[in-house]
C-alpha atoms as a PDB file:
ATOM      1  CA  MET A   1      15.840  82.857 100.839  1.00  0.00           C
ATOM      2  CA  ASN A   2      12.760  82.355  98.747  1.00  0.00           C
ATOM      3  CA  ARG A   3      12.965  86.010  97.715  1.00  0.00           C
ATOM      4  CA  GLN A   4      16.464  86.311  97.304  1.00  0.00           C
ATOM      5  CA  ILE A   5      16.353  83.044  94.695  1.00  0.00           C
ATOM      6  CA  ILE A   6      12.980  84.486  93.236  1.00  0.00           C
ATOM      7  CA  ALA A   7      15.019  88.005  92.792  1.00  0.00           C
ATOM      8  CA  LEU A   8      18.202  86.507  91.360  1.00  0.00           C
ATOM      9  CA  VAL A   9      15.470  84.313  88.694  1.00  0.00           C
ATOM     10  CA  SER A  10      13.935  87.031  87.459  1.00  0.00           C
ATOM     11  CA  GLY A  11      17.049  89.153  87.078  1.00  0.00           C
ATOM     12  CA  LEU A  12      18.465  86.459  84.917  1.00  0.00           C
ATOM     13  CA  PHE A  13      15.424  86.453  82.972  1.00  0.00           C
ATOM     14  CA  ALA A  14      15.384  89.856  82.535  1.00  0.00           C
ATOM     15  CA  LEU A  15      19.024  89.248  80.652  1.00  0.00           C
ATOM     16  CA  ILE A  16      17.635  86.922  78.309  1.00  0.00           C
ATOM     17  CA  PRO A  17      16.092  89.302  75.795  1.00  0.00           C
ATOM     18  CA  VAL A  18      19.441  91.514  75.577  1.00  0.00           C
ATOM     19  CA  ALA A  19      22.063  88.363  75.239  1.00  0.00           C
ATOM     20  CA  ALA A  20      19.680  87.065  72.244  1.00  0.00           C
ATOM     21  CA  SER A  21      19.444  90.219  70.804  1.00  0.00           C
ATOM     22  CA  ALA A  22      23.072  90.946  71.377  1.00  0.00           C
ATOM     23  CA  GLN A  23      23.782  87.259  69.566  1.00  0.00           C
ATOM     24  CA  THR A  24      21.553  88.277  66.448  1.00  0.00           C
ATOM     25  CA  ALA A  25      22.662  91.810  65.513  1.00  0.00           C
ATOM     26  CA  GLU A  26      26.039  90.614  64.730  1.00  0.00           C
ATOM     27  CA  SER A  27      25.624  87.226  63.294  1.00  0.00           C
ATOM     28  CA  GLY A  28      22.467  85.415  61.204  1.00  0.00           C
ATOM     29  CA  PRO A  29      21.955  84.345  57.881  1.00  0.00           C
ATOM     30  CA  ASP A  30      21.341  88.197  56.606  1.00  0.00           C
ATOM     31  CA  PHE A  31      24.444  89.925  57.976  1.00  0.00           C
ATOM     32  CA  ALA A  32      25.913  89.518  54.147  1.00  0.00           C
ATOM     33  CA  TYR A  33      22.780  91.436  53.210  1.00  0.00           C
ATOM     34  CA  ARG A  34      22.805  93.871  55.401  1.00  0.00           C
ATOM     35  CA  HIS A  35      26.200  94.770  56.059  1.00  0.00           C
ATOM     36  CA  PRO A  36      27.566  93.788  52.338  1.00  0.00           C
ATOM     37  CA  GLY A  37      30.958  96.468  53.200  1.00  0.00           C
ATOM     38  CA  ARG A  38      32.128  94.856  55.876  1.00  0.00           C
ATOM     39  CA  THR A  39      31.488  91.493  54.937  1.00  0.00           C
ATOM     40  CA  GLN A  40      33.740  92.254  51.734  1.00  0.00           C
ATOM     41  CA  VAL A  41      36.395  94.121  53.862  1.00  0.00           C
ATOM     42  CA  VAL A  42      36.277  91.160  56.555  1.00  0.00           C
ATOM     43  CA  PHE A  43      36.392  88.258  53.950  1.00  0.00           C
ATOM     44  CA  ASN A  44      39.493  90.289  52.291  1.00  0.00           C
ATOM     45  CA  ILE A  45      41.167  90.309  55.712  1.00  0.00           C
ATOM     46  CA  GLU A  46      40.353  86.624  56.513  1.00  0.00           C
ATOM     47  CA  ARG A  47      41.944  85.657  52.991  1.00  0.00           C
ATOM     48  CA  ALA A  48      44.806  87.511  53.779  1.00  0.00           C
ATOM     49  CA  LYS A  49      45.637  86.007  57.066  1.00  0.00           C
ATOM     50  CA  TRP A  50      44.736  82.233  55.166  1.00  0.00           C
ATOM     51  CA  ILE A  51      47.355  83.199  52.898  1.00  0.00           C
ATOM     52  CA  VAL A  52      49.864  83.683  55.228  1.00  0.00           C
ATOM     53  CA  ASP A  53      49.304  80.424  56.777  1.00  0.00           C
ATOM     54  CA  GLN A  54      49.963  78.995  53.457  1.00  0.00           C
ATOM     55  CA  ARG A  55      52.774  80.679  52.876  1.00  0.00           C
ATOM     56  CA  LEU A  56      53.480  79.749  56.497  1.00  0.00           C
ATOM     57  CA  LYS A  57      53.424  75.923  55.871  1.00  0.00           C
ATOM     58  CA  ASP A  58      55.343  76.267  52.942  1.00  0.00           C
ATOM     59  CA  GLY A  59      58.454  77.770  54.682  1.00  0.00           C
ATOM     60  CA  ASP A  60      57.984  81.184  52.472  1.00  0.00           C
ATOM     61  CA  PHE A  61      57.252  83.002  56.257  1.00  0.00           C
ATOM     62  CA  THR A  62      58.888  82.574  59.438  1.00  0.00           C
ATOM     63  CA  VAL A  63      56.922  82.506  62.563  1.00  0.00           C
ATOM     64  CA  PRO A  64      57.307  86.114  63.602  1.00  0.00           C
ATOM     65  CA  GLN A  65      57.233  87.371  60.220  1.00  0.00           C
ATOM     66  CA  ALA A  66      54.104  85.656  59.948  1.00  0.00           C
ATOM     67  CA  ASP A  67      52.851  87.161  63.252  1.00  0.00           C
ATOM     68  CA  ALA A  68      53.310  90.517  62.154  1.00  0.00           C
ATOM     69  CA  ILE A  69      51.538  90.562  59.296  1.00  0.00           C
ATOM     70  CA  LYS A  70      48.322  88.776  60.765  1.00  0.00           C
ATOM     71  CA  ALA A  71      48.806  91.345  63.557  1.00  0.00           C
ATOM     72  CA  GLU A  72      48.184  94.450  60.812  1.00  0.00           C
ATOM     73  CA  ALA A  73      45.489  92.197  59.187  1.00  0.00           C
ATOM     74  CA  ASP A  74      43.978  92.389  62.939  1.00  0.00           C
ATOM     75  CA  GLY A  75      44.771  96.489  62.897  1.00  0.00           C
ATOM     76  CA  ILE A  76      42.634  96.533  60.250  1.00  0.00           C
ATOM     77  CA  HIS A  77      39.924  94.197  61.040  1.00  0.00           C
ATOM     78  CA  GLY A  78      39.694  96.371  64.342  1.00  0.00           C
ATOM     79  CA  GLU A  79      39.420  99.630  62.398  1.00  0.00           C
ATOM     80  CA  GLU A  80      36.469  98.286  60.707  1.00  0.00           C
ATOM     81  CA  GLN A  81      35.167  97.529  64.121  1.00  0.00           C
ATOM     82  CA  PHE A  82      35.290 100.949  64.842  1.00  0.00           C
ATOM     83  CA  PHE A  83      34.195 102.583  61.707  1.00  0.00           C
ATOM     84  CA  SER A  84      31.086 100.697  61.813  1.00  0.00           C
ATOM     85  CA  SER A  85      30.547 101.597  65.183  1.00  0.00           C
ATOM     86  CA  ARG A  86      29.938 104.542  64.408  1.00  0.00           C
ATOM     87  CA  HIS A  87      27.294 103.812  62.121  1.00  0.00           C
ATOM     88  CA  GLY A  88      25.242 101.941  63.460  1.00  0.00           C
ATOM     89  CA  GLY A  89      26.842  98.285  61.885  1.00  0.00           C
ATOM     90  CA  ARG A  90      27.677  99.799  58.146  1.00  0.00           C
ATOM     91  CA  LEU A  91      30.852 101.294  56.724  1.00  0.00           C
ATOM     92  CA  THR A  92      30.430 104.445  54.534  1.00  0.00           C
ATOM     93  CA  ILE A  93      32.066 104.124  51.086  1.00  0.00           C
ATOM     94  CA  ALA A  94      35.092 106.025  52.009  1.00  0.00           C
ATOM     95  CA  GLU A  95      35.437 104.089  54.790  1.00  0.00           C
ATOM     96  CA  GLN A  96      35.431 100.909  52.672  1.00  0.00           C
ATOM     97  CA  ASN A  97      37.600 102.371  50.152  1.00  0.00           C
ATOM     98  CA  LYS A  98      40.144 103.184  52.255  1.00  0.00           C
ATOM     99  CA  LEU A  99      40.229  99.347  54.403  1.00  0.00           C
ATOM    100  CA  ASN A 100      40.170  97.719  51.097  1.00  0.00           C
ATOM    101  CA  ALA A 101      43.607 100.213  50.121  1.00  0.00           C
ATOM    102  CA  GLU A 102      44.869  99.243  53.340  1.00  0.00           C
ATOM    103  CA  VAL A 103      43.952  95.225  52.922  1.00  0.00           C
ATOM    104  CA  SER A 104      45.352  95.763  49.399  1.00  0.00           C
ATOM    105  CA  GLN A 105      49.319  97.018  50.708  1.00  0.00           C
ATOM    106  CA  LEU A 106      48.938  94.102  52.785  1.00  0.00           C
ATOM    107  CA  LEU A 107      48.387  91.580  49.866  1.00  0.00           C
ATOM    108  CA  ARG A 108      51.274  93.279  48.268  1.00  0.00           C
ATOM    109  CA  GLN A 109      53.169  93.153  50.915  1.00  0.00           C
ATOM    110  CA  ILE A 110      52.425  89.228  51.568  1.00  0.00           C
ATOM    111  CA  ASN A 111      53.278  88.732  47.704  1.00  0.00           C
ATOM    112  CA  ALA A 112      56.472  90.644  47.654  1.00  0.00           C
END
């Protein structure tokens, strides 16, 4: 019984460095400095979603309209995550420009 507990505890302690490194890889105070392209794109996506929320509160959008636009924004965010996964957490200039163009199109759709 004691050997099973020791093995279980040892296994859990072996996972702690992995969990700690996973947390600091995507978050932390220097994320924006290390990934300025991703930060810009994600900020623009979140800004678009915030505008949709404000327009929903003002009665300019119905809930289904707001949900559809937010789903588009989430799709762009998923695309950003896919692109960055191919380049060690970074976006190429072409990918950043493509994503920013998609967000701009979304903002035009919101403001139409």
